[in-house]
Amino acid sequence: MSYVVASKLKELVKKHGMMSSGDLADALSKHLEGAVATACNRAKANGRKTVRPEDL
């Protein structure tokens, strides 16, 4: 499942004067999924059911 809008990611990369590969959005989605899982685990460890920015 992709969590990233590929066209917006491509636009952001282009804004920085770079080009993006076709699989960049998938790689970023996997990275994001891992970061969210880590944040959820941290929130659980702190006895919360709400994930906050500081959990990232």
PDB file of N, CA and C in Angstrom:
ATOM      1  N   MET A   1       0.846  -1.181   0.000  1.00  0.00           N
ATOM      2  CA  MET A   1       0.000   0.000   0.000  1.00  0.00           C
ATOM      3  C   MET A   1       0.891   1.244   0.000  1.00  0.00           C
ATOM      4  N   SER A   2       0.525   2.187  -0.828  1.00  0.00           N
ATOM      5  CA  SER A   2       1.306   3.417  -0.915  1.00  0.00           C
ATOM      6  C   SER A   2       0.662   4.505  -0.061  1.00  0.00           C
ATOM      7  N   TYR A   3       1.467   5.160   0.742  1.00  0.00           N
ATOM      8  CA  TYR A   3       0.995   6.237   1.602  1.00  0.00           C
ATOM      9  C   TYR A   3       1.408   7.598   1.065  1.00  0.00           C
ATOM     10  N   VAL A   4       2.105   7.604  -0.066  1.00  0.00           N
ATOM     11  CA  VAL A   4       2.682   8.821  -0.619  1.00  0.00           C
ATOM     12  C   VAL A   4       2.029   9.125  -1.965  1.00  0.00           C
ATOM     13  N   VAL A   5       1.688  10.374  -2.191  1.00  0.00           N
ATOM     14  CA  VAL A   5       1.172  10.804  -3.488  1.00  0.00           C
ATOM     15  C   VAL A   5       2.384  11.049  -4.380  1.00  0.00           C
ATOM     16  N   ALA A   6       2.573  10.165  -5.346  1.00  0.00           N
ATOM     17  CA  ALA A   6       3.776  10.185  -6.179  1.00  0.00           C
ATOM     18  C   ALA A   6       3.951  11.509  -6.912  1.00  0.00           C
ATOM     19  N   SER A   7       2.874  12.082  -7.412  1.00  0.00           N
ATOM     20  CA  SER A   7       2.991  13.338  -8.162  1.00  0.00           C
ATOM     21  C   SER A   7       3.464  14.481  -7.268  1.00  0.00           C
ATOM     22  N   LYS A   8       3.011  14.499  -6.029  1.00  0.00           N
ATOM     23  CA  LYS A   8       3.437  15.547  -5.090  1.00  0.00           C
ATOM     24  C   LYS A   8       4.894  15.351  -4.684  1.00  0.00           C
ATOM     25  N   LEU A   9       5.297  14.097  -4.513  1.00  0.00           N
ATOM     26  CA  LEU A   9       6.690  13.807  -4.189  1.00  0.00           C
ATOM     27  C   LEU A   9       7.592  14.227  -5.339  1.00  0.00           C
ATOM     28  N   LYS A  10       7.187  13.895  -6.548  1.00  0.00           N
ATOM     29  CA  LYS A  10       7.960  14.263  -7.737  1.00  0.00           C
ATOM     30  C   LYS A  10       8.076  15.782  -7.845  1.00  0.00           C
ATOM     31  N   GLU A  11       6.989  16.483  -7.554  1.00  0.00           N
ATOM     32  CA  GLU A  11       6.978  17.947  -7.574  1.00  0.00           C
ATOM     33  C   GLU A  11       7.963  18.514  -6.551  1.00  0.00           C
ATOM     34  N   LEU A  12       7.985  17.933  -5.364  1.00  0.00           N
ATOM     35  CA  LEU A  12       8.896  18.383  -4.308  1.00  0.00           C
ATOM     36  C   LEU A  12      10.350  18.161  -4.700  1.00  0.00           C
ATOM     37  N   VAL A  13      10.638  17.000  -5.247  1.00  0.00           N
ATOM     38  CA  VAL A  13      12.007  16.696  -5.673  1.00  0.00           C
ATOM     39  C   VAL A  13      12.429  17.650  -6.790  1.00  0.00           C
ATOM     40  N   LYS A  14      11.529  17.894  -7.733  1.00  0.00           N
ATOM     41  CA  LYS A  14      11.818  18.788  -8.856  1.00  0.00           C
ATOM     42  C   LYS A  14      12.074  20.206  -8.362  1.00  0.00           C
ATOM     43  N   LYS A  15      11.370  20.619  -7.313  1.00  0.00           N
ATOM     44  CA  LYS A  15      11.548  21.945  -6.711  1.00  0.00           C
ATOM     45  C   LYS A  15      12.990  22.145  -6.248  1.00  0.00           C
ATOM     46  N   HIS A  16      13.632  21.054  -5.873  1.00  0.00           N
ATOM     47  CA  HIS A  16      15.024  21.102  -5.419  1.00  0.00           C
ATOM     48  C   HIS A  16      16.006  20.889  -6.570  1.00  0.00           C
ATOM     49  N   GLY A  17      15.494  20.921  -7.795  1.00  0.00           N
ATOM     50  CA  GLY A  17      16.347  20.810  -8.968  1.00  0.00           C
ATOM     51  C   GLY A  17      16.838  19.406  -9.257  1.00  0.00           C
ATOM     52  N   MET A  18      16.133  18.408  -8.756  1.00  0.00           N
ATOM     53  CA  MET A  18      16.553  17.024  -8.931  1.00  0.00           C
ATOM     54  C   MET A  18      15.482  16.241  -9.677  1.00  0.00           C
ATOM     55  N   MET A  19      15.849  15.033 -10.087  1.00  0.00           N
ATOM     56  CA  MET A  19      14.910  14.114 -10.717  1.00  0.00           C
ATOM     57  C   MET A  19      14.669  12.961  -9.756  1.00  0.00           C
ATOM     58  N   SER A  20      13.531  12.286  -9.905  1.00  0.00           N
ATOM     59  CA  SER A  20      13.220  11.169  -9.009  1.00  0.00           C
ATOM     60  C   SER A  20      13.050   9.886  -9.808  1.00  0.00           C
ATOM     61  N   SER A  21      13.462   8.786  -9.209  1.00  0.00           N
ATOM     62  CA  SER A  21      13.302   7.486  -9.857  1.00  0.00           C
ATOM     63  C   SER A  21      11.863   7.018  -9.674  1.00  0.00           C
ATOM     64  N   GLY A  22      11.455   6.072 -10.474  1.00  0.00           N
ATOM     65  CA  GLY A  22      10.092   5.577 -10.435  1.00  0.00           C
ATOM     66  C   GLY A  22       9.709   4.885  -9.148  1.00  0.00           C
ATOM     67  N   ASP A  23      10.679   4.333  -8.443  1.00  0.00           N
ATOM     68  CA  ASP A  23      10.372   3.588  -7.220  1.00  0.00           C
ATOM     69  C   ASP A  23      10.603   4.394  -5.942  1.00  0.00           C
ATOM     70  N   LEU A  24      10.824   5.694  -6.068  1.00  0.00           N
ATOM     71  CA  LEU A  24      11.062   6.535  -4.896  1.00  0.00           C
ATOM     72  C   LEU A  24       9.841   6.580  -3.976  1.00  0.00           C
ATOM     73  N   ALA A  25       8.646   6.708  -4.541  1.00  0.00           N
ATOM     74  CA  ALA A  25       7.432   6.785  -3.718  1.00  0.00           C
ATOM     75  C   ALA A  25       7.228   5.502  -2.914  1.00  0.00           C
ATOM     76  N   ASP A  26       7.496   4.349  -3.526  1.00  0.00           N
ATOM     77  CA  ASP A  26       7.359   3.079  -2.802  1.00  0.00           C
ATOM     78  C   ASP A  26       8.365   2.984  -1.660  1.00  0.00           C
ATOM     79  N   ALA A  27       9.597   3.411  -1.919  1.00  0.00           N
ATOM     80  CA  ALA A  27      10.629   3.375  -0.881  1.00  0.00           C
ATOM     81  C   ALA A  27      10.270   4.307   0.271  1.00  0.00           C
ATOM     82  N   LEU A  28       9.752   5.486  -0.055  1.00  0.00           N
ATOM     83  CA  LEU A  28       9.362   6.433   0.988  1.00  0.00           C
ATOM     84  C   LEU A  28       8.172   5.907   1.787  1.00  0.00           C
ATOM     85  N   SER A  29       7.248   5.232   1.126  1.00  0.00           N
ATOM     86  CA  SER A  29       6.107   4.633   1.828  1.00  0.00           C
ATOM     87  C   SER A  29       6.572   3.585   2.834  1.00  0.00           C
ATOM     88  N   LYS A  30       7.539   2.762   2.446  1.00  0.00           N
ATOM     89  CA  LYS A  30       8.079   1.747   3.363  1.00  0.00           C
ATOM     90  C   LYS A  30       8.771   2.405   4.549  1.00  0.00           C
ATOM     91  N   HIS A  31       9.518   3.474   4.273  1.00  0.00           N
ATOM     92  CA  HIS A  31      10.205   4.206   5.339  1.00  0.00           C
ATOM     93  C   HIS A  31       9.173   4.818   6.296  1.00  0.00           C
ATOM     94  N   LEU A  32       8.127   5.396   5.749  1.00  0.00           N
ATOM     95  CA  LEU A  32       7.066   6.006   6.547  1.00  0.00           C
ATOM     96  C   LEU A  32       6.347   4.967   7.400  1.00  0.00           C
ATOM     97  N   GLU A  33       6.094   3.801   6.818  1.00  0.00           N
ATOM     98  CA  GLU A  33       5.430   2.726   7.556  1.00  0.00           C
ATOM     99  C   GLU A  33       6.263   2.314   8.772  1.00  0.00           C
ATOM    100  N   GLY A  34       7.567   2.230   8.609  1.00  0.00           N
ATOM    101  CA  GLY A  34       8.449   1.890   9.720  1.00  0.00           C
ATOM    102  C   GLY A  34       8.461   2.965  10.791  1.00  0.00           C
ATOM    103  N   ALA A  35       8.487   4.226  10.365  1.00  0.00           N
ATOM    104  CA  ALA A  35       8.493   5.337  11.318  1.00  0.00           C
ATOM    105  C   ALA A  35       7.199   5.373  12.128  1.00  0.00           C
ATOM    106  N   VAL A  36       6.082   5.116  11.478  1.00  0.00           N
ATOM    107  CA  VAL A  36       4.793   5.116  12.174  1.00  0.00           C
ATOM    108  C   VAL A  36       4.712   3.942  13.151  1.00  0.00           C
ATOM    109  N   ALA A  37       5.211   2.782  12.752  1.00  0.00           N
ATOM    110  CA  ALA A  37       5.214   1.620  13.647  1.00  0.00           C
ATOM    111  C   ALA A  37       6.045   1.907  14.895  1.00  0.00           C
ATOM    112  N   THR A  38       7.191   2.535  14.711  1.00  0.00           N
ATOM    113  CA  THR A  38       8.051   2.902  15.840  1.00  0.00           C
ATOM    114  C   THR A  38       7.337   3.897  16.752  1.00  0.00           C
ATOM    115  N   ALA A  39       6.661   4.874  16.161  1.00  0.00           N
ATOM    116  CA  ALA A  39       5.931   5.872  16.944  1.00  0.00           C
ATOM    117  C   ALA A  39       4.793   5.220  17.732  1.00  0.00           C
ATOM    118  N   CYS A  40       4.094   4.277  17.120  1.00  0.00           N
ATOM    119  CA  CYS A  40       3.009   3.569  17.815  1.00  0.00           C
ATOM    120  C   CYS A  40       3.546   2.774  18.997  1.00  0.00           C
ATOM    121  N   ASN A  41       4.662   2.109  18.802  1.00  0.00           N
ATOM    122  CA  ASN A  41       5.275   1.343  19.893  1.00  0.00           C
ATOM    123  C   ASN A  41       5.692   2.257  21.034  1.00  0.00           C
ATOM    124  N   ARG A  42       6.219   3.430  20.714  1.00  0.00           N
ATOM    125  CA  ARG A  42       6.642   4.373  21.747  1.00  0.00           C
ATOM    126  C   ARG A  42       5.430   4.871  22.534  1.00  0.00           C
ATOM    127  N   ALA A  43       4.346   5.177  21.824  1.00  0.00           N
ATOM    128  CA  ALA A  43       3.129   5.641  22.503  1.00  0.00           C
ATOM    129  C   ALA A  43       2.582   4.555  23.430  1.00  0.00           C
ATOM    130  N   LYS A  44       2.561   3.308  22.962  1.00  0.00           N
ATOM    131  CA  LYS A  44       2.094   2.187  23.791  1.00  0.00           C
ATOM    132  C   LYS A  44       2.963   2.034  25.029  1.00  0.00           C
ATOM    133  N   ALA A  45       4.278   2.156  24.845  1.00  0.00           N
ATOM    134  CA  ALA A  45       5.212   2.014  25.964  1.00  0.00           C
ATOM    135  C   ALA A  45       4.994   3.098  27.011  1.00  0.00           C
ATOM    136  N   ASN A  46       4.470   4.237  26.576  1.00  0.00           N
ATOM    137  CA  ASN A  46       4.191   5.334  27.494  1.00  0.00           C
ATOM    138  C   ASN A  46       2.749   5.316  27.998  1.00  0.00           C
ATOM    139  N   GLY A  47       2.042   4.207  27.749  1.00  0.00           N
ATOM    140  CA  GLY A  47       0.688   4.049  28.254  1.00  0.00           C
ATOM    141  C   GLY A  47      -0.358   4.898  27.546  1.00  0.00           C
ATOM    142  N   ARG A  48      -0.094   5.264  26.298  1.00  0.00           N
ATOM    143  CA  ARG A  48      -1.043   6.081  25.543  1.00  0.00           C
ATOM    144  C   ARG A  48      -1.577   5.323  24.340  1.00  0.00           C
ATOM    145  N   LYS A  49      -2.759   5.715  23.901  1.00  0.00           N
ATOM    146  CA  LYS A  49      -3.326   5.176  22.668  1.00  0.00           C
ATOM    147  C   LYS A  49      -3.301   6.228  21.564  1.00  0.00           C
ATOM    148  N   THR A  50      -2.735   7.377  21.877  1.00  0.00           N
ATOM    149  CA  THR A  50      -2.637   8.472  20.914  1.00  0.00           C
ATOM    150  C   THR A  50      -1.177   8.669  20.536  1.00  0.00           C
ATOM    151  N   VAL A  51      -0.907   8.636  19.249  1.00  0.00           N
ATOM    152  CA  VAL A  51       0.449   8.880  18.752  1.00  0.00           C
ATOM    153  C   VAL A  51       0.615  10.382  18.585  1.00  0.00           C
ATOM    154  N   ARG A  52       1.682  10.913  19.164  1.00  0.00           N
ATOM    155  CA  ARG A  52       1.962  12.351  19.134  1.00  0.00           C
ATOM    156  C   ARG A  52       3.211  12.617  18.301  1.00  0.00           C
ATOM    157  N   PRO A  53       3.403  13.864  17.881  1.00  0.00           N
ATOM    158  CA  PRO A  53       4.595  14.195  17.092  1.00  0.00           C
ATOM    159  C   PRO A  53       5.906  13.805  17.777  1.00  0.00           C
ATOM    160  N   GLU A  54       5.944  13.926  19.082  1.00  0.00           N
ATOM    161  CA  GLU A  54       7.190  13.591  19.786  1.00  0.00           C
ATOM    162  C   GLU A  54       7.501  12.096  19.755  1.00  0.00           C
ATOM    163  N   ASP A  55       6.535  11.274  19.382  1.00  0.00           N
ATOM    164  CA  ASP A  55       6.781   9.838  19.255  1.00  0.00           C
ATOM    165  C   ASP A  55       7.607   9.516  18.013  1.00  0.00           C
ATOM    166  N   LEU A  56       7.613  10.439  17.077  1.00  0.00           N
ATOM    167  CA  LEU A  56       8.406  10.233  15.868  1.00  0.00           C
ATOM    168  C   LEU A  56       9.871  10.445  16.157  1.00  0.00           C
TER     169      LEU A  56
END
